[in-house]
Amino acid sequence: MPYVNKPRPYKKEYENYDGTEAVKKKRAQRNTARRLMEAAGEVSKGDGKDVDHKKALSNGGTTSKSNLRAVPASANRSFKRNSGHDLVSQTSTKERKAK
């Protein structure tokens, strides 16, 4: 449930989730992938594109150039995920609705 009419405990959220080693490692991998694609000229800041891993990191993918692609943010963020934010389906929401 969202926080309504009360302050959000950002410090507690960071300590319990964002500050954990696993989350820091995932964030570092995403940042590395973004820098690789920026160096290759595939993406730039503010272009509305995300760097997508063809084989998701949660499914054993790597942050190598051959596993990366630039896709619109709306397409990359619409995959079905579970409560742990891990990828459940490689089929985007738009593709599922079209079937």
PDB file of N, CA and C in Angstrom:
ATOM      1  N   MET A   1       0.850  -1.173   0.000  1.00  0.00           N
ATOM      2  CA  MET A   1       0.000   0.000   0.000  1.00  0.00           C
ATOM      3  C   MET A   1       0.895   1.236   0.000  1.00  0.00           C
ATOM      4  N   PRO A   2       0.571   2.224  -0.798  1.00  0.00           N
ATOM      5  CA  PRO A   2       1.401   3.428  -0.851  1.00  0.00           C
ATOM      6  C   PRO A   2       1.282   4.242   0.433  1.00  0.00           C
ATOM      7  N   TYR A   3       2.280   5.053   0.646  1.00  0.00           N
ATOM      8  CA  TYR A   3       2.276   5.923   1.816  1.00  0.00           C
ATOM      9  C   TYR A   3       1.377   7.114   1.540  1.00  0.00           C
ATOM     10  N   VAL A   4       0.283   7.204   2.287  1.00  0.00           N
ATOM     11  CA  VAL A   4      -0.663   8.287   2.099  1.00  0.00           C
ATOM     12  C   VAL A   4      -0.650   9.145   3.349  1.00  0.00           C
ATOM     13  N   ASN A   5      -0.403  10.413   3.167  1.00  0.00           N
ATOM     14  CA  ASN A   5      -0.428  11.400   4.257  1.00  0.00           C
ATOM     15  C   ASN A   5       0.539  11.086   5.394  1.00  0.00           C
ATOM     16  N   LYS A   6       1.624  10.404   5.088  1.00  0.00           N
ATOM     17  CA  LYS A   6       2.665  10.227   6.089  1.00  0.00           C
ATOM     18  C   LYS A   6       4.004  10.142   5.376  1.00  0.00           C
ATOM     19  N   PRO A   7       5.059  10.544   6.026  1.00  0.00           N
ATOM     20  CA  PRO A   7       6.357  10.566   5.364  1.00  0.00           C
ATOM     21  C   PRO A   7       6.859   9.169   5.017  1.00  0.00           C
ATOM     22  N   ARG A   8       7.529   9.072   3.889  1.00  0.00           N
ATOM     23  CA  ARG A   8       8.073   7.798   3.437  1.00  0.00           C
ATOM     24  C   ARG A   8       9.428   7.570   4.109  1.00  0.00           C
ATOM     25  N   PRO A   9       9.661   6.386   4.661  1.00  0.00           N
ATOM     26  CA  PRO A   9      10.912   6.113   5.391  1.00  0.00           C
ATOM     27  C   PRO A   9      12.066   5.747   4.442  1.00  0.00           C
ATOM     28  N   TYR A  10      12.585   6.750   3.720  1.00  0.00           N
ATOM     29  CA  TYR A  10      13.631   6.486   2.729  1.00  0.00           C
ATOM     30  C   TYR A  10      14.877   5.846   3.336  1.00  0.00           C
ATOM     31  N   LYS A  11      15.277   6.319   4.502  1.00  0.00           N
ATOM     32  CA  LYS A  11      16.484   5.769   5.132  1.00  0.00           C
ATOM     33  C   LYS A  11      16.298   4.290   5.456  1.00  0.00           C
ATOM     34  N   LYS A  12      15.152   3.941   5.979  1.00  0.00           N
ATOM     35  CA  LYS A  12      14.865   2.540   6.305  1.00  0.00           C
ATOM     36  C   LYS A  12      14.801   1.695   5.032  1.00  0.00           C
ATOM     37  N   GLU A  13      14.182   2.227   3.970  1.00  0.00           N
ATOM     38  CA  GLU A  13      14.119   1.512   2.695  1.00  0.00           C
ATOM     39  C   GLU A  13      15.519   1.232   2.166  1.00  0.00           C
ATOM     40  N   TYR A  14      16.397   2.230   2.258  1.00  0.00           N
ATOM     41  CA  TYR A  14      17.756   2.051   1.772  1.00  0.00           C
ATOM     42  C   TYR A  14      18.483   0.982   2.579  1.00  0.00           C
ATOM     43  N   GLU A  15      18.354   1.049   3.885  1.00  0.00           N
ATOM     44  CA  GLU A  15      19.037   0.072   4.747  1.00  0.00           C
ATOM     45  C   GLU A  15      18.528  -1.345   4.500  1.00  0.00           C
ATOM     46  N   ASN A  16      17.217  -1.486   4.269  1.00  0.00           N
ATOM     47  CA  ASN A  16      16.628  -2.817   4.112  1.00  0.00           C
ATOM     48  C   ASN A  16      16.679  -3.364   2.695  1.00  0.00           C
ATOM     49  N   TYR A  17      16.809  -2.487   1.688  1.00  0.00           N
ATOM     50  CA  TYR A  17      16.774  -2.986   0.323  1.00  0.00           C
ATOM     51  C   TYR A  17      17.886  -2.395  -0.541  1.00  0.00           C
ATOM     52  N   ASP A  18      17.820  -1.113  -0.825  1.00  0.00           N
ATOM     53  CA  ASP A  18      18.748  -0.483  -1.771  1.00  0.00           C
ATOM     54  C   ASP A  18      20.200  -0.558  -1.330  1.00  0.00           C
ATOM     55  N   GLY A  19      20.449  -0.646  -0.059  1.00  0.00           N
ATOM     56  CA  GLY A  19      21.818  -0.676   0.438  1.00  0.00           C
ATOM     57  C   GLY A  19      22.403  -2.070   0.570  1.00  0.00           C
ATOM     58  N   THR A  20      21.655  -3.095   0.222  1.00  0.00           N
ATOM     59  CA  THR A  20      22.170  -4.455   0.354  1.00  0.00           C
ATOM     60  C   THR A  20      23.188  -4.751  -0.743  1.00  0.00           C
ATOM     61  N   GLU A  21      24.078  -5.653  -0.473  1.00  0.00           N
ATOM     62  CA  GLU A  21      25.147  -5.975  -1.424  1.00  0.00           C
ATOM     63  C   GLU A  21      24.612  -6.517  -2.744  1.00  0.00           C
ATOM     64  N   ALA A  22      23.563  -7.328  -2.687  1.00  0.00           N
ATOM     65  CA  ALA A  22      22.998  -7.901  -3.913  1.00  0.00           C
ATOM     66  C   ALA A  22      22.451  -6.810  -4.822  1.00  0.00           C
ATOM     67  N   VAL A  23      21.758  -5.833  -4.256  1.00  0.00           N
ATOM     68  CA  VAL A  23      21.178  -4.750  -5.048  1.00  0.00           C
ATOM     69  C   VAL A  23      22.284  -3.848  -5.593  1.00  0.00           C
ATOM     70  N   LYS A  24      23.314  -3.590  -4.789  1.00  0.00           N
ATOM     71  CA  LYS A  24      24.440  -2.775  -5.260  1.00  0.00           C
ATOM     72  C   LYS A  24      25.146  -3.450  -6.437  1.00  0.00           C
ATOM     73  N   LYS A  25      25.287  -4.769  -6.372  1.00  0.00           N
ATOM     74  CA  LYS A  25      25.940  -5.509  -7.448  1.00  0.00           C
ATOM     75  C   LYS A  25      25.131  -5.433  -8.740  1.00  0.00           C
ATOM     76  N   LYS A  26      23.801  -5.601  -8.645  1.00  0.00           N
ATOM     77  CA  LYS A  26      22.940  -5.502  -9.820  1.00  0.00           C
ATOM     78  C   LYS A  26      22.999  -4.100 -10.426  1.00  0.00           C
ATOM     79  N   ARG A  27      22.989  -3.077  -9.577  1.00  0.00           N
ATOM     80  CA  ARG A  27      23.051  -1.697 -10.049  1.00  0.00           C
ATOM     81  C   ARG A  27      24.372  -1.437 -10.762  1.00  0.00           C
ATOM     82  N   ALA A  28      25.460  -1.972 -10.234  1.00  0.00           N
ATOM     83  CA  ALA A  28      26.777  -1.809 -10.865  1.00  0.00           C
ATOM     84  C   ALA A  28      26.802  -2.490 -12.235  1.00  0.00           C
ATOM     85  N   GLN A  29      26.178  -3.651 -12.363  1.00  0.00           N
ATOM     86  CA  GLN A  29      26.116  -4.340 -13.650  1.00  0.00           C
ATOM     87  C   GLN A  29      25.308  -3.536 -14.668  1.00  0.00           C
ATOM     88  N   ARG A  30      24.183  -2.957 -14.234  1.00  0.00           N
ATOM     89  CA  ARG A  30      23.376  -2.132 -15.134  1.00  0.00           C
ATOM     90  C   ARG A  30      24.146  -0.896 -15.573  1.00  0.00           C
ATOM     91  N   ASN A  31      24.867  -0.263 -14.652  1.00  0.00           N
ATOM     92  CA  ASN A  31      25.652   0.926 -14.981  1.00  0.00           C
ATOM     93  C   ASN A  31      26.776   0.586 -15.952  1.00  0.00           C
ATOM     94  N   THR A  32      27.421  -0.545 -15.762  1.00  0.00           N
ATOM     95  CA  THR A  32      28.486  -0.994 -16.664  1.00  0.00           C
ATOM     96  C   THR A  32      27.930  -1.214 -18.071  1.00  0.00           C
ATOM     97  N   ALA A  33      26.771  -1.861 -18.161  1.00  0.00           N
ATOM     98  CA  ALA A  33      26.146  -2.115 -19.457  1.00  0.00           C
ATOM     99  C   ALA A  33      25.813  -0.798 -20.155  1.00  0.00           C
ATOM    100  N   ARG A  34      25.291   0.156 -19.411  1.00  0.00           N
ATOM    101  CA  ARG A  34      24.942   1.456 -19.989  1.00  0.00           C
ATOM    102  C   ARG A  34      26.192   2.162 -20.528  1.00  0.00           C
ATOM    103  N   ARG A  35      27.273   2.140 -19.754  1.00  0.00           N
ATOM    104  CA  ARG A  35      28.519   2.788 -20.193  1.00  0.00           C
ATOM    105  C   ARG A  35      29.067   2.128 -21.452  1.00  0.00           C
ATOM    106  N   LEU A  36      28.993   0.797 -21.553  1.00  0.00           N
ATOM    107  CA  LEU A  36      29.445   0.099 -22.758  1.00  0.00           C
ATOM    108  C   LEU A  36      28.664   0.547 -23.988  1.00  0.00           C
ATOM    109  N   MET A  37      27.348   0.646 -23.842  1.00  0.00           N
ATOM    110  CA  MET A  37      26.513   1.040 -24.964  1.00  0.00           C
ATOM    111  C   MET A  37      26.694   2.521 -25.317  1.00  0.00           C
ATOM    112  N   GLU A  38      26.941   3.373 -24.323  1.00  0.00           N
ATOM    113  CA  GLU A  38      27.210   4.785 -24.595  1.00  0.00           C
ATOM    114  C   GLU A  38      28.518   4.931 -25.369  1.00  0.00           C
ATOM    115  N   ALA A  39      29.521   4.160 -24.994  1.00  0.00           N
ATOM    116  CA  ALA A  39      30.810   4.208 -25.684  1.00  0.00           C
ATOM    117  C   ALA A  39      30.680   3.733 -27.127  1.00  0.00           C
ATOM    118  N   ALA A  40      29.769   2.813 -27.374  1.00  0.00           N
ATOM    119  CA  ALA A  40      29.552   2.294 -28.723  1.00  0.00           C
ATOM    120  C   ALA A  40      28.645   3.217 -29.543  1.00  0.00           C
ATOM    121  N   GLY A  41      28.073   4.243 -28.910  1.00  0.00           N
ATOM    122  CA  GLY A  41      27.203   5.177 -29.616  1.00  0.00           C
ATOM    123  C   GLY A  41      25.786   4.685 -29.802  1.00  0.00           C
ATOM    124  N   GLU A  42      25.404   3.629 -29.108  1.00  0.00           N
ATOM    125  CA  GLU A  42      24.065   3.058 -29.243  1.00  0.00           C
ATOM    126  C   GLU A  42      23.008   3.848 -28.462  1.00  0.00           C
ATOM    127  N   VAL A  43      23.395   4.412 -27.330  1.00  0.00           N
ATOM    128  CA  VAL A  43      22.475   5.179 -26.486  1.00  0.00           C
ATOM    129  C   VAL A  43      23.166   6.448 -26.023  1.00  0.00           C
ATOM    130  N   SER A  44      22.352   7.391 -25.582  1.00  0.00           N
ATOM    131  CA  SER A  44      22.894   8.610 -24.981  1.00  0.00           C
ATOM    132  C   SER A  44      21.935   9.065 -23.886  1.00  0.00           C
ATOM    133  N   LYS A  45      22.413   9.925 -23.032  1.00  0.00           N
ATOM    134  CA  LYS A  45      21.604  10.379 -21.913  1.00  0.00           C
ATOM    135  C   LYS A  45      20.368  11.120 -22.420  1.00  0.00           C
ATOM    136  N   GLY A  46      19.210  10.753 -21.893  1.00  0.00           N
ATOM    137  CA  GLY A  46      17.970  11.418 -22.237  1.00  0.00           C
ATOM    138  C   GLY A  46      17.351  11.001 -23.556  1.00  0.00           C
ATOM    139  N   ASP A  47      17.809   9.911 -24.156  1.00  0.00           N
ATOM    140  CA  ASP A  47      17.270   9.490 -25.451  1.00  0.00           C
ATOM    141  C   ASP A  47      16.038   8.593 -25.337  1.00  0.00           C
ATOM    142  N   GLY A  48      15.631   8.249 -24.118  1.00  0.00           N
ATOM    143  CA  GLY A  48      14.441   7.418 -23.931  1.00  0.00           C
ATOM    144  C   GLY A  48      14.672   5.941 -24.188  1.00  0.00           C
ATOM    145  N   LYS A  49      15.934   5.535 -24.256  1.00  0.00           N
ATOM    146  CA  LYS A  49      16.248   4.126 -24.500  1.00  0.00           C
ATOM    147  C   LYS A  49      16.840   3.492 -23.255  1.00  0.00           C
ATOM    148  N   ASP A  50      16.575   2.213 -23.116  1.00  0.00           N
ATOM    149  CA  ASP A  50      17.175   1.418 -22.053  1.00  0.00           C
ATOM    150  C   ASP A  50      18.157   0.442 -22.680  1.00  0.00           C
ATOM    151  N   VAL A  51      19.122   0.039 -21.900  1.00  0.00           N
ATOM    152  CA  VAL A  51      20.032  -1.021 -22.331  1.00  0.00           C
ATOM    153  C   VAL A  51      19.438  -2.317 -21.811  1.00  0.00           C
ATOM    154  N   ASP A  52      19.126  -3.208 -22.726  1.00  0.00           N
ATOM    155  CA  ASP A  52      18.472  -4.462 -22.403  1.00  0.00           C
ATOM    156  C   ASP A  52      19.467  -5.604 -22.552  1.00  0.00           C
ATOM    157  N   HIS A  53      19.394  -6.549 -21.645  1.00  0.00           N
ATOM    158  CA  HIS A  53      20.197  -7.763 -21.759  1.00  0.00           C
ATOM    159  C   HIS A  53      19.358  -8.782 -22.519  1.00  0.00           C
ATOM    160  N   LYS A  54      19.860  -9.289 -23.630  1.00  0.00           N
ATOM    161  CA  LYS A  54      19.124 -10.274 -24.418  1.00  0.00           C
ATOM    162  C   LYS A  54      18.791 -11.482 -23.564  1.00  0.00           C
ATOM    163  N   LYS A  55      19.771 -11.973 -22.829  1.00  0.00           N
ATOM    164  CA  LYS A  55      19.540 -13.013 -21.817  1.00  0.00           C
ATOM    165  C   LYS A  55      19.668 -12.309 -20.477  1.00  0.00           C
ATOM    166  N   ALA A  56      18.582 -12.244 -19.739  1.00  0.00           N
ATOM    167  CA  ALA A  56      18.526 -11.488 -18.497  1.00  0.00           C
ATOM    168  C   ALA A  56      19.595 -11.923 -17.504  1.00  0.00           C
ATOM    169  N   LEU A  57      20.091 -10.956 -16.723  1.00  0.00           N
ATOM    170  CA  LEU A  57      21.088 -11.265 -15.692  1.00  0.00           C
ATOM    171  C   LEU A  57      20.540 -12.291 -14.703  1.00  0.00           C
ATOM    172  N   SER A  58      19.247 -12.188 -14.398  1.00  0.00           N
ATOM    173  CA  SER A  58      18.631 -13.122 -13.453  1.00  0.00           C
ATOM    174  C   SER A  58      18.533 -14.537 -14.021  1.00  0.00           C
ATOM    175  N   ASN A  59      18.682 -14.655 -15.340  1.00  0.00           N
ATOM    176  CA  ASN A  59      18.647 -15.977 -15.981  1.00  0.00           C
ATOM    177  C   ASN A  59      20.024 -16.434 -16.416  1.00  0.00           C
ATOM    178  N   GLY A  60      21.063 -15.832 -15.857  1.00  0.00           N
ATOM    179  CA  GLY A  60      22.423 -16.261 -16.156  1.00  0.00           C
ATOM    180  C   GLY A  60      23.108 -15.489 -17.269  1.00  0.00           C
ATOM    181  N   GLY A  61      22.509 -14.395 -17.732  1.00  0.00           N
ATOM    182  CA  GLY A  61      23.123 -13.577 -18.771  1.00  0.00           C
ATOM    183  C   GLY A  61      24.312 -12.794 -18.238  1.00  0.00           C
ATOM    184  N   THR A  62      25.095 -12.245 -19.160  1.00  0.00           N
ATOM    185  CA  THR A  62      26.271 -11.466 -18.775  1.00  0.00           C
ATOM    186  C   THR A  62      26.149 -10.040 -19.286  1.00  0.00           C
ATOM    187  N   THR A  63      27.079  -9.196 -18.856  1.00  0.00           N
ATOM    188  CA  THR A  63      27.122  -7.827 -19.321  1.00  0.00           C
ATOM    189  C   THR A  63      28.201  -7.695 -20.387  1.00  0.00           C
ATOM    190  N   SER A  64      28.147  -8.550 -21.374  1.00  0.00           N
ATOM    191  CA  SER A  64      29.081  -8.458 -22.497  1.00  0.00           C
ATOM    192  C   SER A  64      28.366  -7.765 -23.653  1.00  0.00           C
ATOM    193  N   LYS A  65      29.118  -7.142 -24.534  1.00  0.00           N
ATOM    194  CA  LYS A  65      28.551  -6.384 -25.654  1.00  0.00           C
ATOM    195  C   LYS A  65      27.607  -7.242 -26.494  1.00  0.00           C
ATOM    196  N   SER A  66      27.923  -8.531 -26.661  1.00  0.00           N
ATOM    197  CA  SER A  66      27.085  -9.404 -27.484  1.00  0.00           C
ATOM    198  C   SER A  66      25.734  -9.704 -26.840  1.00  0.00           C
ATOM    199  N   ASN A  67      25.579  -9.450 -25.537  1.00  0.00           N
ATOM    200  CA  ASN A  67      24.325  -9.722 -24.838  1.00  0.00           C
ATOM    201  C   ASN A  67      23.513  -8.447 -24.611  1.00  0.00           C
ATOM    202  N   LEU A  68      23.949  -7.322 -25.153  1.00  0.00           N
ATOM    203  CA  LEU A  68      23.281  -6.051 -24.917  1.00  0.00           C
ATOM    204  C   LEU A  68      22.619  -5.536 -26.184  1.00  0.00           C
ATOM    205  N   ARG A  69      21.513  -4.803 -25.990  1.00  0.00           N
ATOM    206  CA  ARG A  69      20.854  -4.118 -27.098  1.00  0.00           C
ATOM    207  C   ARG A  69      20.143  -2.887 -26.551  1.00  0.00           C
ATOM    208  N   ALA A  70      19.954  -1.894 -27.400  1.00  0.00           N
ATOM    209  CA  ALA A  70      19.237  -0.674 -27.017  1.00  0.00           C
ATOM    210  C   ALA A  70      17.787  -0.824 -27.453  1.00  0.00           C
ATOM    211  N   VAL A  71      16.866  -0.616 -26.520  1.00  0.00           N
ATOM    212  CA  VAL A  71      15.437  -0.717 -26.814  1.00  0.00           C
ATOM    213  C   VAL A  71      14.721   0.468 -26.169  1.00  0.00           C
ATOM    214  N   PRO A  72      13.541   0.826 -26.676  1.00  0.00           N
ATOM    215  CA  PRO A  72      12.773   1.892 -26.034  1.00  0.00           C
ATOM    216  C   PRO A  72      12.455   1.519 -24.582  1.00  0.00           C
ATOM    217  N   ALA A  73      12.501   2.502 -23.704  1.00  0.00           N
ATOM    218  CA  ALA A  73      12.252   2.235 -22.284  1.00  0.00           C
ATOM    219  C   ALA A  73      10.878   1.611 -22.065  1.00  0.00           C
ATOM    220  N   SER A  74       9.884   2.049 -22.821  1.00  0.00           N
ATOM    221  CA  SER A  74       8.528   1.523 -22.642  1.00  0.00           C
ATOM    222  C   SER A  74       8.461   0.028 -22.944  1.00  0.00           C
ATOM    223  N   ALA A  75       9.246  -0.446 -23.890  1.00  0.00           N
ATOM    224  CA  ALA A  75       9.246  -1.865 -24.225  1.00  0.00           C
ATOM    225  C   ALA A  75      10.030  -2.671 -23.196  1.00  0.00           C
ATOM    226  N   ASN A  76      11.136  -2.133 -22.728  1.00  0.00           N
ATOM    227  CA  ASN A  76      11.996  -2.867 -21.803  1.00  0.00           C
ATOM    228  C   ASN A  76      11.389  -2.990 -20.414  1.00  0.00           C
ATOM    229  N   ARG A  77      10.588  -2.044 -20.020  1.00  0.00           N
ATOM    230  CA  ARG A  77      10.047  -2.046 -18.654  1.00  0.00           C
ATOM    231  C   ARG A  77       8.686  -2.697 -18.542  1.00  0.00           C
ATOM    232  N   SER A  78       8.205  -3.300 -19.613  1.00  0.00           N
ATOM    233  CA  SER A  78       6.869  -3.872 -19.583  1.00  0.00           C
ATOM    234  C   SER A  78       6.871  -5.386 -19.463  1.00  0.00           C
ATOM    235  N   PHE A  79       8.032  -6.006 -19.227  1.00  0.00           N
ATOM    236  CA  PHE A  79       8.067  -7.448 -19.060  1.00  0.00           C
ATOM    237  C   PHE A  79       7.450  -7.843 -17.729  1.00  0.00           C
ATOM    238  N   LYS A  80       6.846  -9.003 -17.710  1.00  0.00           N
ATOM    239  CA  LYS A  80       6.223  -9.504 -16.488  1.00  0.00           C
ATOM    240  C   LYS A  80       7.314  -9.898 -15.492  1.00  0.00           C
ATOM    241  N   ARG A  81       7.188  -9.405 -14.263  1.00  0.00           N
ATOM    242  CA  ARG A  81       8.166  -9.686 -13.215  1.00  0.00           C
ATOM    243  C   ARG A  81       7.452 -10.183 -11.966  1.00  0.00           C
ATOM    244  N   ASN A  82       8.173 -10.930 -11.131  1.00  0.00           N
ATOM    245  CA  ASN A  82       7.584 -11.411  -9.886  1.00  0.00           C
ATOM    246  C   ASN A  82       7.806 -10.388  -8.782  1.00  0.00           C
ATOM    247  N   SER A  83       7.399 -10.699  -7.563  1.00  0.00           N
ATOM    248  CA  SER A  83       7.496  -9.738  -6.466  1.00  0.00           C
ATOM    249  C   SER A  83       8.940  -9.398  -6.115  1.00  0.00           C
ATOM    250  N   GLY A  84       9.896 -10.251  -6.487  1.00  0.00           N
ATOM    251  CA  GLY A  84      11.306  -9.966  -6.251  1.00  0.00           C
ATOM    252  C   GLY A  84      11.930  -9.191  -7.397  1.00  0.00           C
ATOM    253  N   HIS A  85      11.114  -8.729  -8.334  1.00  0.00           N
ATOM    254  CA  HIS A  85      11.523  -7.946  -9.504  1.00  0.00           C
ATOM    255  C   HIS A  85      12.355  -8.751 -10.490  1.00  0.00           C
ATOM    256  N   ASP A  86      12.328 -10.077 -10.385  1.00  0.00           N
ATOM    257  CA  ASP A  86      13.024 -10.926 -11.341  1.00  0.00           C
ATOM    258  C   ASP A  86      12.121 -11.162 -12.537  1.00  0.00           C
ATOM    259  N   LEU A  87      12.726 -11.316 -13.681  1.00  0.00           N
ATOM    260  CA  LEU A  87      11.998 -11.511 -14.925  1.00  0.00           C
ATOM    261  C   LEU A  87      11.242 -12.833 -14.906  1.00  0.00           C
ATOM    262  N   VAL A  88       9.951 -12.797 -15.225  1.00  0.00           N
ATOM    263  CA  VAL A  88       9.129 -13.995 -15.293  1.00  0.00           C
ATOM    264  C   VAL A  88       8.915 -14.383 -16.746  1.00  0.00           C
ATOM    265  N   SER A  89       8.680 -13.394 -17.606  1.00  0.00           N
ATOM    266  CA  SER A  89       8.386 -13.659 -19.009  1.00  0.00           C
ATOM    267  C   SER A  89       9.160 -12.708 -19.907  1.00  0.00           C
ATOM    268  N   GLN A  90       9.730 -13.231 -20.991  1.00  0.00           N
ATOM    269  CA  GLN A  90      10.437 -12.402 -21.961  1.00  0.00           C
ATOM    270  C   GLN A  90       9.454 -11.748 -22.921  1.00  0.00           C
ATOM    271  N   THR A  91       8.172 -12.069 -22.800  1.00  0.00           N
ATOM    272  CA  THR A  91       7.163 -11.495 -23.668  1.00  0.00           C
ATOM    273  C   THR A  91       6.657 -10.201 -23.040  1.00  0.00           C
ATOM    274  N   SER A  92       6.721  -9.106 -23.784  1.00  0.00           N
ATOM    275  CA  SER A  92       6.289  -7.827 -23.234  1.00  0.00           C
ATOM    276  C   SER A  92       4.782  -7.790 -23.086  1.00  0.00           C
ATOM    277  N   THR A  93       4.292  -6.839 -22.317  1.00  0.00           N
ATOM    278  CA  THR A  93       2.864  -6.674 -22.086  1.00  0.00           C
ATOM    279  C   THR A  93       2.136  -6.464 -23.405  1.00  0.00           C
ATOM    280  N   LYS A  94       2.700  -5.649 -24.305  1.00  0.00           N
ATOM    281  CA  LYS A  94       2.066  -5.391 -25.598  1.00  0.00           C
ATOM    282  C   LYS A  94       1.942  -6.671 -26.410  1.00  0.00           C
ATOM    283  N   GLU A  95       2.980  -7.504 -26.399  1.00  0.00           N
ATOM    284  CA  GLU A  95       2.949  -8.752 -27.160  1.00  0.00           C
ATOM    285  C   GLU A  95       1.917  -9.721 -26.590  1.00  0.00           C
ATOM    286  N   ARG A  96       1.781  -9.766 -25.253  1.00  0.00           N
ATOM    287  CA  ARG A  96       0.801 -10.657 -24.637  1.00  0.00           C
ATOM    288  C   ARG A  96      -0.620 -10.231 -24.981  1.00  0.00           C
ATOM    289  N   LYS A  97      -0.878  -8.907 -25.007  1.00  0.00           N
ATOM    290  CA  LYS A  97      -2.218  -8.417 -25.317  1.00  0.00           C
ATOM    291  C   LYS A  97      -2.574  -8.675 -26.775  1.00  0.00           C
ATOM    292  N   ALA A  98      -1.579  -8.671 -27.653  1.00  0.00           N
ATOM    293  CA  ALA A  98      -1.828  -8.879 -29.079  1.00  0.00           C
ATOM    294  C   ALA A  98      -2.238 -10.316 -29.389  1.00  0.00           C
ATOM    295  N   LYS A  99      -1.860 -11.262 -28.531  1.00  0.00           N
ATOM    296  CA  LYS A  99      -2.154 -12.693 -28.779  1.00  0.00           C
ATOM    297  C   LYS A  99      -3.588 -13.031 -28.510  1.00  0.00           C
TER     298      LYS A  99
END
